[in-house]
């Protein structure tokens, strides 16, 4: 993975976490969906960072 790709994943994760936090207490379904997206991006980022080493 390139540094650019890793940075893009970091940016997407930050946006997903912000969206997740915005849904907290408003809509359980939307919150759970946002949690799933953040978890998936976190996993992708971890994989990308480990492959770079």
Protein backbone atom coordinates (compact mmCIF):
# COMPACT_ATOMS: atom_id res chain seq x y z
CA UNK A 1 0.00 0.00 0.00
CA UNK A 2 1.18 3.48 -0.74
CA UNK A 3 1.41 6.29 1.76
CA UNK A 4 -1.34 8.07 -0.16
CA UNK A 5 -3.68 5.10 0.15
CA UNK A 6 -2.99 4.80 3.86
CA UNK A 7 -3.64 8.51 4.37
CA UNK A 8 -6.92 8.22 2.44
CA UNK A 9 -7.98 5.39 4.75
CA UNK A 10 -7.08 7.49 7.79
CA UNK A 11 -9.14 10.39 6.45
CA UNK A 12 -12.12 8.12 5.68
CA UNK A 13 -11.88 6.58 9.16
CA UNK A 14 -11.86 10.01 10.80
CA UNK A 15 -14.99 11.02 8.85
CA UNK A 16 -16.70 7.71 9.63
CA UNK A 17 -15.96 8.07 13.35
CA UNK A 18 -17.31 11.63 13.33
CA UNK A 19 -20.48 10.45 11.58
CA UNK A 20 -20.82 7.57 14.03
CA UNK A 21 -20.53 9.96 16.95
CA UNK A 22 -23.12 12.27 15.40
CA UNK A 23 -25.66 9.42 15.26
CA UNK A 24 -25.14 8.38 18.88
CA UNK A 25 -28.40 8.83 20.75
CA UNK A 26 -30.37 9.81 17.63
CA UNK A 27 -30.95 6.66 15.61
CA UNK A 28 -29.88 3.24 16.80
CA UNK A 29 -29.92 1.77 13.28
CA UNK A 30 -27.87 4.60 11.76
CA UNK A 31 -25.47 4.45 14.70
CA UNK A 32 -24.94 0.69 14.26
CA UNK A 33 -24.38 1.12 10.53
CA UNK A 34 -21.86 3.89 11.18
CA UNK A 35 -20.11 1.69 13.76
CA UNK A 36 -19.83 -1.12 11.22
CA UNK A 37 -18.33 1.25 8.64
CA UNK A 38 -15.81 2.64 11.14
CA UNK A 39 -14.84 -0.88 12.24
CA UNK A 40 -14.36 -1.98 8.64
CA UNK A 41 -12.20 1.03 7.81
CA UNK A 42 -10.16 0.52 10.97
CA UNK A 43 -9.51 -3.07 9.90
CA UNK A 44 -8.56 -2.01 6.37
CA UNK A 45 -6.18 0.59 7.75
CA UNK A 46 -4.52 -1.92 10.08
CA UNK A 47 -4.06 -4.33 7.17
CA UNK A 48 -2.65 -1.63 4.92
CA UNK A 49 -0.23 -0.43 7.58
CA UNK A 50 0.97 -3.97 8.32
CA UNK A 51 1.57 -4.69 4.63
CA UNK A 52 3.66 -1.56 4.29
CA UNK A 53 6.21 -2.74 6.86
